[in-house]
Structure formats: structure tokens, C-alpha cells
Amino acid sequence: MKWKADWGLRGRMALTMFLLFVLYIVFIAILSQYASLLGIVLVMGAFSLGQFFFSDKLALWSMGAKEVSEDEYPELHRTLGRLSQQADLPKPKVAVVDSRVPNAFATGRSQKNAAVAVTTGLMKTLDKDELEGVLAHELAHVKNRDMMVMTIASFLSTIAFLVVRWGWWFGGDRGRNQAPVWVAIVASLVVWIISFLLIRALSRYREFAADRGGATITGKPSALASALMTIDSGMSKVPKEDFREQSEMNAFFIIPVKSDFIGKVFSTHPSTEKRVERLRELEREM
């Protein structure tokens, strides 16, 4: 396999991290006027740093994913091992989520400690070629290292959101020269909104990049296109309570579980139709 670096994705990741860095320098500067609020941010920052180092385990745990052995799922291990060799990657940990929602995700802060998880619903829904396409898509995320950027960006956005939500309780009494606490709350809200938009823009592009990468690994863009359509149509058959259990991991899924109008507007993913169209164009090029 001849892997081409996606400089569009790399440039967007670098720009997103730079803008977030500048944004949070301003954020900390504003909150430094409020000792209690700054304390919250520092504590949450330390906590987030710990989450970063254990992101793979925490993501699997939050989804109820269980790491499985070759004896339990031999075909899944064989397929992922072969695709990892084709992508020139270390074989990631393999996990399975007992869920009717047909989906998959990759997690981990680096290529060496990555994990790929699939749901039981996905394995029952897709045929062999389609499942390979989905696994290759997740390996493309690992190859592109975009999971690390998304993990860091998500933590920073979460800190700003927590200040917006709980800042009123920790504002404390203000001195003569201290601005009212609502100034810090509004600043935090602005930071959270800008972070949200930056993350969404990056997330949508990285899905296109992973689709291209997955198709390059397997050499079968049509198989991934078919998988995306099958997963998308299969969502309508899953009870809504299953969606609510998994909605927090939308940014990391191959297809998000929300399908209402608001969910589409603020979706972390481009529409399935656009992704399939690009994969068909890639198929023609190949």
C-alpha cells in the first residue's frame, strides 16, 4: 500500500490546535481575575491530562467495550491484523461492544496504544468486505493520528463548558477592582462556542480523510460506501434508548447516532450521502 500523507488534514489539525492554544491563553488570562474559577480550571486541567494518558481505556470503559482475545473473535483479530500490516501499523487492541447500534470507533493517544472497537450490531449487519472497509476506516484514523488532536481539543472544550455551567456557584464575593462573575461566564461561553465550531470543522474533514485512507488500505472504496449506507439505514431499526447511551461518543463513531434536524446541523460528521459520493469518485479514479 502506498500511503499519501494528507496535508490538508495535517494543516487543519495544526491550525485547530494553534487557535485553541491562543483561545485558551486568553481564557486563562480572563479567569486569572477570579481565584476560585481559575482553581477549577487548573484542577480540571490536571484531571484532563490524566484522562489523556488513559484515553483508550476510558473510552472503552465509557462505551462498555470489552477487550477480546483471538480465541473469542478469531476472524475479527485476523482481519484487523492483516489490515494493520497493509497500513504499516502495529495491530491495535481489539474490543467489542454488546450493542444493537451498528457502529465502530478507534481510540488511543498514539499508534502504539490504539484500540479499535466494534459493536455486535455492526458485525451482524455487515458482510465481510463491508466490515473490512469499516475497520480500515478506523485504522486510517490511527494512521493519521487525528484521535490525539480530537482528544485534546475535546478536553479543552469540556473545561470551558464546565465553567459556563458551574461558574455561578464558585464566583464568590468580588472585590472592588474585580469584574462581576458574569463577565467570566460570558467569556467562557464564547470560548466554548468557538472551540465547539473548531472541533466540528476538524471532525468533519477528518472523516473524509479516514474514508479516503480506509479505501486506500483495502483498495475497495465501494465496500466502505456500501457499509456506510448499510449502517445509516440500520440506525432506524435501533430503539432510541440505545442511541441515548452512546450519543456522548458521536465524534469518535464512524457514523453519529443522532439523526434529528438539530443533530445534523451540529453533527461531527458530514452527511452519509456526501461521503458515499466522494468514495464513488475515488472508485472511478482507482
Foldseek 3Di string as FASTA:
>chain_A
DDDDADVVLVVLLVVLVVVLVVLVVVLLVQCVLFVQLNVLLVVLVVVLVVCQQVVQVVVCVLQVKDFDDCVVPVVVQVLQCVLCVLVVADRETEIEHAALQFWKFKAHQARVHIYIYTYPNVVVQADDLLVLLRSQLRVLCRVNSVRNSLSVLVSSLVSLVVCLVCVVVRRPDHDPPGDHSVVSNVSSVVSNVVSLVSQLVSLAVSLLSSLVRSCVSVVCLPSNLVSLVRSVVSLVVHDVVSLVSCQVCQSGINHHNDDDPVCQVSPSYDDSVVSSVVSVVVNVVD
